């Protein structure tokens, strides 16, 4: 639960780094033919250095991801079961998708143009939803939601508490959930095995 968002960021940065590493690798190989021309000879050098830097960063992110996931898997095998780890990941993404609010508003710039924007209240709420995590173990299910900053976004979360509890309960029928508990800027749903 503590490492889920960190692992997700490591994974996304690794994929992005791999893409840019391949891109700069191709550009470096193509610019090496330009090194014959004196003014353009430095371009290949700079792209080569940038390629190596991105490649090293990508390898570092991938190693950190593998280390973090390995530690979590070993911990799950010792204390719980490995399928619960993968179920937790799937349920986290499902509950995030369920909680996500999408309402776009059209602002008229002038007579002929309109711009579609995201409501800032929903933007604040969705930022909190991106940190939502579900942790399923043999004995309990814990759902963590970060409380949004703005009062209006907190009102949306307060109105959704009952729906979230129903959704969590329907996805984990073997567990009994109490009312959510707020601790500072965190909301916790805790379910115990029947």
N, C-alpha and C. Protein backbone atom coordinates (compact mmCIF):
# COMPACT_ATOMS: atom_id res chain seq x y z
N UNK A 1 0.83 -1.19 0.00
CA UNK A 1 0.00 0.00 0.00
C UNK A 1 0.87 1.26 0.00
N UNK A 2 1.97 1.21 0.75
CA UNK A 2 2.84 2.37 0.83
C UNK A 2 3.62 2.59 -0.46
N UNK A 3 3.90 1.52 -1.17
CA UNK A 3 4.76 1.63 -2.35
C UNK A 3 4.00 1.61 -3.66
N UNK A 4 2.69 1.46 -3.64
CA UNK A 4 1.95 1.30 -4.89
C UNK A 4 2.13 2.48 -5.83
N UNK A 5 1.87 3.69 -5.35
CA UNK A 5 1.98 4.87 -6.21
C UNK A 5 3.43 5.11 -6.64
N UNK A 6 4.37 4.83 -5.74
CA UNK A 6 5.79 4.97 -6.09
C UNK A 6 6.17 3.98 -7.20
N UNK A 7 5.72 2.73 -7.06
CA UNK A 7 6.00 1.73 -8.10
C UNK A 7 5.35 2.10 -9.42
N UNK A 8 4.15 2.64 -9.36
CA UNK A 8 3.47 3.06 -10.58
C UNK A 8 4.25 4.17 -11.27
N UNK A 9 4.76 5.13 -10.50
CA UNK A 9 5.58 6.20 -11.08
C UNK A 9 6.89 5.66 -11.66
N UNK A 10 7.54 4.74 -10.95
CA UNK A 10 8.75 4.12 -11.48
C UNK A 10 8.47 3.42 -12.80
N UNK A 11 7.35 2.72 -12.87
CA UNK A 11 6.99 2.00 -14.09
C UNK A 11 6.75 2.97 -15.25
N UNK A 12 5.98 4.02 -15.00
CA UNK A 12 5.68 4.99 -16.07
C UNK A 12 6.94 5.72 -16.53
N UNK A 13 7.81 6.11 -15.58
CA UNK A 13 9.06 6.77 -15.96
C UNK A 13 10.00 5.82 -16.71
N UNK A 14 9.97 4.55 -16.36
CA UNK A 14 10.80 3.57 -17.07
C UNK A 14 10.34 3.42 -18.51
N UNK A 15 9.03 3.35 -18.72
CA UNK A 15 8.49 3.24 -20.08
C UNK A 15 8.82 4.50 -20.87
N UNK A 16 8.61 5.65 -20.27
CA UNK A 16 8.92 6.92 -20.93
C UNK A 16 10.42 7.03 -21.22
N UNK A 17 11.25 6.63 -20.27
CA UNK A 17 12.70 6.66 -20.47
C UNK A 17 13.14 5.73 -21.58
N UNK A 18 12.51 4.55 -21.66
CA UNK A 18 12.83 3.60 -22.74
C UNK A 18 12.51 4.21 -24.10
N UNK A 19 11.35 4.86 -24.19
CA UNK A 19 10.96 5.51 -25.44
C UNK A 19 11.97 6.58 -25.85
N UNK A 20 12.32 7.48 -24.90
CA UNK A 20 13.26 8.55 -25.22
C UNK A 20 14.67 8.01 -25.47
N UNK A 21 15.03 6.94 -24.78
CA UNK A 21 16.34 6.34 -25.01
C UNK A 21 16.44 5.79 -26.43
N UNK A 22 15.39 5.11 -26.88
CA UNK A 22 15.37 4.60 -28.26
C UNK A 22 15.38 5.75 -29.26
N UNK A 23 14.60 6.78 -28.98
CA UNK A 23 14.52 7.94 -29.87
C UNK A 23 15.88 8.62 -30.01
N UNK A 24 16.53 8.90 -28.87
CA UNK A 24 17.83 9.58 -28.93
C UNK A 24 18.93 8.65 -29.46
N UNK A 25 18.76 7.34 -29.29
CA UNK A 25 19.71 6.40 -29.89
C UNK A 25 19.67 6.46 -31.41
N UNK A 26 18.45 6.53 -31.96
CA UNK A 26 18.29 6.65 -33.41
C UNK A 26 18.84 7.99 -33.90
N UNK A 27 18.50 9.06 -33.19
CA UNK A 27 18.98 10.39 -33.59
C UNK A 27 20.50 10.46 -33.53
N UNK A 28 21.10 9.84 -32.50
CA UNK A 28 22.57 9.83 -32.38
C UNK A 28 23.21 9.11 -33.55
N UNK A 29 22.65 7.96 -33.91
CA UNK A 29 23.23 7.21 -35.03
C UNK A 29 23.07 7.97 -36.35
N UNK A 30 21.98 8.69 -36.50
CA UNK A 30 21.76 9.46 -37.74
C UNK A 30 22.66 10.70 -37.79
N UNK A 31 22.93 11.31 -36.62
CA UNK A 31 23.75 12.53 -36.62
C UNK A 31 25.25 12.24 -36.70
N UNK A 32 25.64 10.99 -36.50
CA UNK A 32 27.07 10.66 -36.63
C UNK A 32 27.56 10.89 -38.06
N UNK A 33 26.67 10.75 -39.03
CA UNK A 33 27.07 11.01 -40.42
C UNK A 33 27.30 12.50 -40.66
N UNK A 34 26.74 13.35 -39.79
CA UNK A 34 26.93 14.80 -39.94
C UNK A 34 28.26 15.27 -39.36
N UNK A 35 28.96 14.37 -38.66
CA UNK A 35 30.21 14.79 -38.01
C UNK A 35 31.30 15.16 -39.00
N UNK A 36 31.10 14.87 -40.27
CA UNK A 36 32.07 15.27 -41.30
C UNK A 36 32.11 16.79 -41.46
N UNK A 37 30.97 17.42 -41.22
CA UNK A 37 30.88 18.87 -41.35
C UNK A 37 31.27 19.50 -40.00
N UNK A 38 32.23 20.39 -40.04
CA UNK A 38 32.79 20.97 -38.81
C UNK A 38 31.75 21.64 -37.91
N UNK A 39 30.84 22.49 -38.44
CA UNK A 39 29.89 23.15 -37.52
C UNK A 39 28.89 22.19 -36.89
N UNK A 40 28.63 21.05 -37.54
CA UNK A 40 27.62 20.13 -37.03
C UNK A 40 28.22 18.95 -36.26
N UNK A 41 29.55 18.95 -36.08
CA UNK A 41 30.20 17.80 -35.45
C UNK A 41 29.82 17.65 -33.97
N UNK A 42 29.48 18.72 -33.30
CA UNK A 42 29.14 18.67 -31.87
C UNK A 42 27.73 18.10 -31.63
N UNK A 43 26.89 18.14 -32.64
CA UNK A 43 25.50 17.68 -32.47
C UNK A 43 25.49 16.21 -32.07
N UNK A 44 26.25 15.40 -32.78
CA UNK A 44 26.31 13.96 -32.47
C UNK A 44 26.83 13.74 -31.05
N UNK A 45 27.81 14.52 -30.64
CA UNK A 45 28.37 14.41 -29.29
C UNK A 45 27.31 14.70 -28.23
N UNK A 46 26.54 15.78 -28.41
CA UNK A 46 25.51 16.15 -27.44
C UNK A 46 24.37 15.13 -27.39
N UNK A 47 23.93 14.67 -28.56
CA UNK A 47 22.87 13.66 -28.58
C UNK A 47 23.36 12.34 -27.96
N UNK A 48 24.63 12.00 -28.19
CA UNK A 48 25.19 10.78 -27.58
C UNK A 48 25.21 10.87 -26.07
N UNK A 49 25.62 12.02 -25.53
CA UNK A 49 25.63 12.20 -24.07
C UNK A 49 24.21 12.18 -23.50
N UNK A 50 23.29 12.82 -24.19
CA UNK A 50 21.90 12.82 -23.74
C UNK A 50 21.32 11.41 -23.77
N UNK A 51 21.64 10.66 -24.80
CA UNK A 51 21.19 9.27 -24.91
C UNK A 51 21.71 8.43 -23.75
N UNK A 52 23.00 8.57 -23.41
CA UNK A 52 23.58 7.81 -22.30
C UNK A 52 22.95 8.21 -20.96
N UNK A 53 22.69 9.50 -20.77
CA UNK A 53 22.08 9.97 -19.53
C UNK A 53 20.67 9.41 -19.36
N UNK A 54 19.88 9.45 -20.43
CA UNK A 54 18.51 8.92 -20.36
C UNK A 54 18.53 7.41 -20.16
N UNK A 55 19.46 6.73 -20.83
CA UNK A 55 19.57 5.28 -20.68
C UNK A 55 19.94 4.89 -19.24
N UNK A 56 20.89 5.60 -18.63
CA UNK A 56 21.27 5.32 -17.24
C UNK A 56 20.11 5.61 -16.29
N UNK A 57 19.37 6.70 -16.53
CA UNK A 57 18.22 7.02 -15.67
C UNK A 57 17.14 5.95 -15.80
N UNK A 58 16.92 5.47 -17.01
CA UNK A 58 15.91 4.43 -17.23
C UNK A 58 16.30 3.13 -16.54
N UNK A 59 17.56 2.76 -16.64
CA UNK A 59 18.03 1.54 -15.97
C UNK A 59 17.89 1.69 -14.46
N UNK A 60 18.22 2.86 -13.92
CA UNK A 60 18.08 3.09 -12.47
C UNK A 60 16.62 2.97 -12.03
N UNK A 61 15.72 3.60 -12.77
CA UNK A 61 14.28 3.53 -12.43
C UNK A 61 13.79 2.08 -12.49
N UNK A 62 14.22 1.34 -13.50
CA UNK A 62 13.80 -0.05 -13.65
C UNK A 62 14.33 -0.90 -12.50
N UNK A 63 15.57 -0.68 -12.11
CA UNK A 63 16.14 -1.43 -10.99
C UNK A 63 15.43 -1.11 -9.68
N UNK A 64 15.11 0.17 -9.46
CA UNK A 64 14.37 0.54 -8.25
C UNK A 64 12.98 -0.09 -8.24
N UNK A 65 12.33 -0.12 -9.40
CA UNK A 65 11.02 -0.76 -9.51
C UNK A 65 11.13 -2.24 -9.19
N UNK A 66 12.10 -2.92 -9.79
CA UNK A 66 12.26 -4.35 -9.55
C UNK A 66 12.58 -4.63 -8.09
N UNK A 67 13.42 -3.81 -7.48
CA UNK A 67 13.75 -3.99 -6.07
C UNK A 67 12.52 -3.83 -5.19
N UNK A 68 11.76 -2.77 -5.43
CA UNK A 68 10.56 -2.50 -4.63
C UNK A 68 9.52 -3.61 -4.78
N UNK A 69 9.30 -4.04 -6.01
CA UNK A 69 8.31 -5.10 -6.24
C UNK A 69 8.79 -6.42 -5.64
N UNK A 70 10.07 -6.71 -5.75
CA UNK A 70 10.62 -7.94 -5.17
C UNK A 70 10.44 -7.95 -3.65
N UNK A 71 10.74 -6.83 -3.00
CA UNK A 71 10.56 -6.75 -1.55
C UNK A 71 9.09 -6.96 -1.18
N UNK A 72 8.20 -6.37 -1.94
CA UNK A 72 6.76 -6.52 -1.66
C UNK A 72 6.31 -7.97 -1.87
N UNK A 73 6.79 -8.59 -2.93
CA UNK A 73 6.40 -9.98 -3.21
C UNK A 73 6.93 -10.91 -2.11
N UNK A 74 8.17 -10.71 -1.70
CA UNK A 74 8.73 -11.55 -0.62
C UNK A 74 7.94 -11.35 0.66
N UNK A 75 7.59 -10.10 0.95
CA UNK A 75 6.79 -9.81 2.15
C UNK A 75 5.42 -10.49 2.07
N UNK A 76 4.80 -10.45 0.90
CA UNK A 76 3.48 -11.09 0.73
C UNK A 76 3.58 -12.60 0.87
N UNK A 77 4.62 -13.19 0.30
CA UNK A 77 4.76 -14.65 0.38
C UNK A 77 4.96 -15.09 1.83
N UNK A 78 5.72 -14.30 2.60
CA UNK A 78 5.98 -14.66 4.00
C UNK A 78 4.75 -14.47 4.88
N UNK A 79 4.06 -13.33 4.73
CA UNK A 79 2.99 -12.96 5.66
C UNK A 79 1.58 -13.23 5.14
N UNK A 80 1.40 -13.29 3.84
CA UNK A 80 0.05 -13.38 3.28
C UNK A 80 0.10 -14.34 2.09
N UNK A 81 -0.55 -13.97 1.00
CA UNK A 81 -0.48 -14.78 -0.22
C UNK A 81 -0.25 -13.86 -1.42
N UNK A 82 0.46 -14.37 -2.40
CA UNK A 82 0.82 -13.59 -3.58
C UNK A 82 -0.40 -13.17 -4.41
N UNK A 83 -1.42 -14.02 -4.58
CA UNK A 83 -2.60 -13.57 -5.35
C UNK A 83 -3.27 -12.33 -4.77
N UNK A 84 -3.20 -12.16 -3.45
CA UNK A 84 -3.79 -10.96 -2.84
C UNK A 84 -3.08 -9.69 -3.29
N UNK A 85 -1.78 -9.79 -3.55
CA UNK A 85 -1.01 -8.64 -4.05
C UNK A 85 -1.55 -8.19 -5.40
N UNK A 86 -1.73 -9.15 -6.31
CA UNK A 86 -2.22 -8.81 -7.65
C UNK A 86 -3.68 -8.38 -7.61
N UNK A 87 -4.47 -8.99 -6.73
CA UNK A 87 -5.86 -8.57 -6.56
C UNK A 87 -5.93 -7.13 -6.04
N UNK A 88 -5.02 -6.77 -5.14
CA UNK A 88 -4.97 -5.40 -4.61
C UNK A 88 -4.71 -4.40 -5.73
N UNK A 89 -3.79 -4.74 -6.62
CA UNK A 89 -3.47 -3.85 -7.74
C UNK A 89 -4.68 -3.67 -8.66
N UNK A 90 -5.33 -4.78 -8.99
CA UNK A 90 -6.50 -4.71 -9.88
C UNK A 90 -7.62 -3.92 -9.23
N UNK A 91 -7.89 -4.18 -7.96
CA UNK A 91 -8.97 -3.48 -7.26
C UNK A 91 -8.67 -1.99 -7.09
N UNK A 92 -7.40 -1.64 -6.95
CA UNK A 92 -7.03 -0.23 -6.86
C UNK A 92 -7.41 0.49 -8.15
N UNK A 93 -7.06 -0.09 -9.29
CA UNK A 93 -7.40 0.55 -10.57
C UNK A 93 -8.91 0.59 -10.80
N UNK A 94 -9.62 -0.46 -10.41
CA UNK A 94 -11.08 -0.48 -10.57
C UNK A 94 -11.76 0.59 -9.72
N UNK A 95 -11.32 0.71 -8.47
CA UNK A 95 -11.94 1.70 -7.58
C UNK A 95 -11.57 3.12 -7.99
N UNK A 96 -10.37 3.32 -8.52
CA UNK A 96 -10.00 4.64 -9.04
C UNK A 96 -10.89 5.01 -10.22
N UNK A 97 -11.11 4.06 -11.11
CA UNK A 97 -11.97 4.32 -12.27
C UNK A 97 -13.41 4.62 -11.83
N UNK A 98 -13.88 3.89 -10.82
CA UNK A 98 -15.22 4.12 -10.30
C UNK A 98 -15.34 5.51 -9.69
N UNK A 99 -14.32 5.96 -8.96
CA UNK A 99 -14.37 7.23 -8.23
C UNK A 99 -14.12 8.45 -9.09
N UNK A 100 -13.49 8.27 -10.23
CA UNK A 100 -13.09 9.39 -11.08
C UNK A 100 -14.30 10.21 -11.52
N UNK A 101 -14.21 11.53 -11.39
CA UNK A 101 -15.27 12.46 -11.79
C UNK A 101 -14.86 13.15 -13.09
N UNK A 102 -15.72 13.12 -14.07
CA UNK A 102 -15.38 13.77 -15.35
C UNK A 102 -16.52 14.68 -15.78
N UNK A 103 -16.29 15.94 -15.66
CA UNK A 103 -17.24 16.93 -16.15
C UNK A 103 -16.44 18.05 -16.78
N UNK A 104 -16.71 18.28 -18.02
CA UNK A 104 -16.00 19.34 -18.74
C UNK A 104 -16.98 20.49 -19.00
N UNK A 105 -16.46 21.69 -18.92
CA UNK A 105 -17.30 22.86 -19.15
C UNK A 105 -16.76 23.62 -20.36
N UNK A 106 -17.66 24.22 -21.09
CA UNK A 106 -17.28 25.02 -22.25
C UNK A 106 -17.26 26.49 -21.86
N UNK A 107 -16.12 27.13 -22.07
CA UNK A 107 -16.01 28.56 -21.83
C UNK A 107 -15.95 29.25 -23.19
N UNK A 108 -16.77 30.24 -23.36
CA UNK A 108 -16.78 30.98 -24.62
C UNK A 108 -15.72 32.07 -24.53
N UNK A 109 -14.73 31.99 -25.40
CA UNK A 109 -13.64 32.96 -25.41
C UNK A 109 -14.09 34.27 -26.08
N UNK A 110 -14.67 34.16 -27.24
CA UNK A 110 -15.28 35.29 -27.93
C UNK A 110 -16.43 34.74 -28.78
N UNK A 111 -16.90 35.47 -29.74
CA UNK A 111 -18.08 35.05 -30.48
C UNK A 111 -17.89 33.75 -31.25
N UNK A 112 -16.69 33.47 -31.73
CA UNK A 112 -16.51 32.32 -32.61
C UNK A 112 -15.78 31.14 -31.96
N UNK A 113 -15.13 31.34 -30.83
CA UNK A 113 -14.34 30.26 -30.24
C UNK A 113 -14.86 29.87 -28.86
N UNK A 114 -14.78 28.57 -28.60
CA UNK A 114 -15.12 28.05 -27.27
C UNK A 114 -14.00 27.12 -26.84
N UNK A 115 -13.69 27.15 -25.57
CA UNK A 115 -12.62 26.31 -25.05
C UNK A 115 -13.21 25.38 -23.99
N UNK A 116 -12.89 24.09 -24.10
CA UNK A 116 -13.36 23.12 -23.13
C UNK A 116 -12.34 22.99 -22.02
N UNK A 117 -12.78 23.13 -20.79
CA UNK A 117 -11.88 23.02 -19.64
C UNK A 117 -12.46 22.06 -18.61
N UNK A 118 -11.61 21.60 -17.73
CA UNK A 118 -12.04 20.72 -16.64
C UNK A 118 -12.38 21.58 -15.44
N UNK A 119 -13.48 21.26 -14.81
CA UNK A 119 -13.91 21.96 -13.61
C UNK A 119 -12.81 21.83 -12.55
N UNK A 120 -12.31 22.95 -11.97
CA UNK A 120 -11.20 22.87 -11.00
C UNK A 120 -11.55 22.08 -9.73
N UNK A 121 -12.82 22.03 -9.37
CA UNK A 121 -13.24 21.26 -8.20
C UNK A 121 -13.03 19.77 -8.48
N UNK A 122 -13.46 19.33 -9.67
CA UNK A 122 -13.27 17.93 -10.04
C UNK A 122 -11.78 17.61 -10.25
N UNK A 123 -11.04 18.58 -10.71
CA UNK A 123 -9.60 18.37 -10.88
C UNK A 123 -8.94 18.09 -9.52
N UNK A 124 -9.31 18.86 -8.50
CA UNK A 124 -8.78 18.65 -7.15
C UNK A 124 -9.22 17.29 -6.61
N UNK A 125 -10.47 16.95 -6.83
CA UNK A 125 -10.98 15.66 -6.36
C UNK A 125 -10.26 14.51 -7.06
N UNK A 126 -10.07 14.60 -8.37
CA UNK A 126 -9.43 13.53 -9.14
C UNK A 126 -7.95 13.37 -8.78
N UNK A 127 -7.31 14.47 -8.39
CA UNK A 127 -5.92 14.36 -7.92
C UNK A 127 -5.85 13.49 -6.67
N UNK A 128 -6.84 13.61 -5.81
CA UNK A 128 -6.89 12.76 -4.61
C UNK A 128 -7.22 11.32 -4.96
N UNK A 129 -8.10 11.14 -5.95
CA UNK A 129 -8.47 9.79 -6.38
C UNK A 129 -7.26 9.05 -6.95
N UNK A 130 -6.34 9.78 -7.57
CA UNK A 130 -5.14 9.14 -8.13
C UNK A 130 -4.24 8.54 -7.06
N UNK A 131 -4.44 8.92 -5.81
CA UNK A 131 -3.64 8.38 -4.70
C UNK A 131 -4.37 7.27 -3.95
N UNK A 132 -5.61 6.97 -4.36
CA UNK A 132 -6.40 5.93 -3.73
C UNK A 132 -5.71 4.58 -3.89
N UNK A 133 -5.64 3.81 -2.82
CA UNK A 133 -5.07 2.46 -2.89
C UNK A 133 -5.92 1.48 -2.10
N UNK A 134 -5.90 0.24 -2.57
CA UNK A 134 -6.61 -0.85 -1.92
C UNK A 134 -5.57 -1.90 -1.53
N UNK A 135 -5.62 -2.36 -0.29
CA UNK A 135 -4.71 -3.40 0.17
C UNK A 135 -5.55 -4.56 0.69
N UNK A 136 -5.45 -5.70 0.00
CA UNK A 136 -6.22 -6.88 0.37
C UNK A 136 -5.28 -7.91 0.97
N UNK A 137 -5.62 -8.36 2.18
CA UNK A 137 -4.88 -9.45 2.82
C UNK A 137 -5.89 -10.52 3.21
N UNK A 138 -5.39 -11.61 3.79
CA UNK A 138 -6.28 -12.71 4.19
C UNK A 138 -7.29 -12.27 5.25
N UNK A 139 -6.88 -11.36 6.16
CA UNK A 139 -7.73 -11.01 7.29
C UNK A 139 -8.50 -9.71 7.12
N UNK A 140 -8.02 -8.81 6.25
CA UNK A 140 -8.69 -7.51 6.13
C UNK A 140 -8.46 -6.88 4.77
N UNK A 141 -9.31 -5.90 4.49
CA UNK A 141 -9.18 -5.06 3.30
C UNK A 141 -9.09 -3.63 3.80
N UNK A 142 -8.08 -2.90 3.34
CA UNK A 142 -7.90 -1.51 3.72
C UNK A 142 -7.94 -0.66 2.46
N UNK A 143 -8.76 0.38 2.48
CA UNK A 143 -8.84 1.31 1.35
C UNK A 143 -8.45 2.69 1.88
N UNK A 144 -7.47 3.29 1.21
CA UNK A 144 -6.96 4.61 1.58
C UNK A 144 -7.34 5.62 0.52
N UNK A 145 -7.90 6.74 0.94
CA UNK A 145 -8.21 7.86 0.05
C UNK A 145 -7.66 9.13 0.68
N UNK A 146 -6.92 9.89 -0.10
CA UNK A 146 -6.40 11.16 0.39
C UNK A 146 -7.53 12.19 0.30
N UNK A 147 -7.72 12.97 1.35
CA UNK A 147 -8.76 14.00 1.38
C UNK A 147 -8.33 15.15 0.46
N UNK A 148 -9.21 15.60 -0.43
CA UNK A 148 -8.85 16.73 -1.30
C UNK A 148 -8.62 18.01 -0.49
N UNK A 149 -7.96 18.98 -1.11
CA UNK A 149 -7.63 20.23 -0.43
C UNK A 149 -8.82 21.17 -0.31
N UNK A 150 -9.57 21.32 -1.38
CA UNK A 150 -10.64 22.34 -1.37
C UNK A 150 -11.90 21.82 -0.67
N UNK A 151 -12.65 22.75 -0.14
CA UNK A 151 -13.88 22.42 0.59
C UNK A 151 -14.92 21.79 -0.33
N UNK A 152 -15.03 22.30 -1.58
CA UNK A 152 -16.03 21.76 -2.51
C UNK A 152 -15.68 20.32 -2.91
N UNK A 153 -14.38 20.03 -3.10
CA UNK A 153 -13.97 18.67 -3.45
C UNK A 153 -14.19 17.73 -2.27
N UNK A 154 -14.00 18.24 -1.05
CA UNK A 154 -14.27 17.42 0.14
C UNK A 154 -15.76 17.11 0.24
N UNK A 155 -16.59 18.05 -0.18
CA UNK A 155 -18.04 17.84 -0.17
C UNK A 155 -18.42 16.72 -1.13
N UNK A 156 -17.77 16.67 -2.29
CA UNK A 156 -18.03 15.59 -3.26
C UNK A 156 -17.64 14.24 -2.64
N UNK A 157 -16.49 14.20 -1.98
CA UNK A 157 -16.05 12.96 -1.34
C UNK A 157 -17.02 12.55 -0.24
N UNK A 158 -17.49 13.51 0.54
CA UNK A 158 -18.43 13.21 1.63
C UNK A 158 -19.73 12.62 1.07
N UNK A 159 -20.19 13.17 -0.06
CA UNK A 159 -21.40 12.66 -0.69
C UNK A 159 -21.17 11.27 -1.30
N UNK A 160 -19.94 10.97 -1.66
CA UNK A 160 -19.62 9.69 -2.29
C UNK A 160 -19.28 8.59 -1.30
N UNK A 161 -19.11 8.93 -0.03
CA UNK A 161 -18.67 7.94 0.96
C UNK A 161 -19.56 6.70 0.97
N UNK A 162 -20.87 6.91 0.96
CA UNK A 162 -21.81 5.78 0.98
C UNK A 162 -21.66 4.93 -0.27
N UNK A 163 -21.54 5.58 -1.43
CA UNK A 163 -21.37 4.84 -2.69
C UNK A 163 -20.05 4.07 -2.70
N UNK A 164 -19.00 4.70 -2.21
CA UNK A 164 -17.71 4.02 -2.14
C UNK A 164 -17.78 2.80 -1.23
N UNK A 165 -18.42 2.97 -0.09
CA UNK A 165 -18.53 1.84 0.85
C UNK A 165 -19.32 0.70 0.22
N UNK A 166 -20.41 1.01 -0.50
CA UNK A 166 -21.18 -0.02 -1.19
C UNK A 166 -20.35 -0.71 -2.26
N UNK A 167 -19.61 0.08 -3.02
CA UNK A 167 -18.78 -0.48 -4.09
C UNK A 167 -17.69 -1.39 -3.53
N UNK A 168 -17.04 -0.94 -2.47
CA UNK A 168 -15.99 -1.75 -1.84
C UNK A 168 -16.59 -3.03 -1.26
N UNK A 169 -17.75 -2.91 -0.62
CA UNK A 169 -18.40 -4.08 -0.02
C UNK A 169 -18.82 -5.09 -1.09
N UNK A 170 -19.32 -4.59 -2.22
CA UNK A 170 -19.77 -5.51 -3.27
C UNK A 170 -18.59 -6.22 -3.94
N UNK A 171 -17.43 -5.58 -3.96
CA UNK A 171 -16.24 -6.21 -4.57
C UNK A 171 -15.53 -7.14 -3.60
N UNK A 172 -15.80 -6.98 -2.30
CA UNK A 172 -15.18 -7.84 -1.28
C UNK A 172 -16.27 -8.36 -0.37
N UNK A 173 -17.09 -9.32 -0.86
CA UNK A 173 -18.25 -9.77 -0.07
C UNK A 173 -17.87 -10.57 1.18
N UNK A 174 -16.63 -11.06 1.26
CA UNK A 174 -16.22 -11.85 2.42
C UNK A 174 -15.78 -10.99 3.60
N UNK A 175 -15.86 -9.67 3.45
CA UNK A 175 -15.39 -8.76 4.49
C UNK A 175 -16.53 -7.84 4.93
N UNK A 176 -16.49 -7.46 6.21
CA UNK A 176 -17.47 -6.52 6.77
C UNK A 176 -16.76 -5.18 6.95
N UNK A 177 -17.36 -4.12 6.39
CA UNK A 177 -16.74 -2.80 6.44
C UNK A 177 -17.44 -1.91 7.45
N UNK A 178 -16.63 -1.22 8.23
CA UNK A 178 -17.17 -0.24 9.17
C UNK A 178 -17.30 1.10 8.44
N UNK A 179 -17.83 2.09 9.14
CA UNK A 179 -17.89 3.43 8.57
C UNK A 179 -16.47 3.93 8.34
N UNK A 180 -16.28 4.78 7.33
CA UNK A 180 -14.93 5.28 7.07
C UNK A 180 -14.43 6.12 8.24
N UNK A 181 -13.13 6.07 8.44
CA UNK A 181 -12.50 6.80 9.53
C UNK A 181 -11.56 7.84 8.94
N UNK A 182 -11.75 9.08 9.37
CA UNK A 182 -10.87 10.15 8.89
C UNK A 182 -9.77 10.41 9.91
N UNK A 183 -8.52 10.37 9.41
CA UNK A 183 -7.36 10.69 10.23
C UNK A 183 -6.60 11.79 9.49
N UNK A 184 -6.65 13.01 10.00
CA UNK A 184 -6.05 14.19 9.38
C UNK A 184 -6.55 14.34 7.95
N UNK A 185 -5.68 14.19 6.96
CA UNK A 185 -6.12 14.38 5.58
C UNK A 185 -6.24 13.04 4.84
N UNK A 186 -6.60 11.99 5.60
CA UNK A 186 -6.74 10.65 5.03
C UNK A 186 -8.08 10.06 5.42
N UNK A 187 -8.67 9.31 4.50
CA UNK A 187 -9.92 8.60 4.76
C UNK A 187 -9.64 7.12 4.59
N UNK A 188 -9.99 6.32 5.61
CA UNK A 188 -9.69 4.89 5.62
C UNK A 188 -10.99 4.09 5.72
N UNK A 189 -11.16 3.14 4.80
CA UNK A 189 -12.22 2.13 4.89
C UNK A 189 -11.52 0.84 5.30
N UNK A 190 -11.96 0.23 6.41
CA UNK A 190 -11.32 -0.99 6.88
C UNK A 190 -12.37 -2.08 6.98
N UNK A 191 -12.09 -3.19 6.30
CA UNK A 191 -12.99 -4.33 6.32
C UNK A 191 -12.30 -5.52 6.94
N UNK A 192 -13.03 -6.24 7.82
CA UNK A 192 -12.48 -7.43 8.47
C UNK A 192 -13.19 -8.66 7.93
N UNK A 193 -12.47 -9.78 7.96
CA UNK A 193 -13.00 -11.03 7.44
C UNK A 193 -14.21 -11.46 8.24
N UNK A 194 -15.23 -11.97 7.56
CA UNK A 194 -16.45 -12.44 8.24
C UNK A 194 -16.15 -13.68 9.05
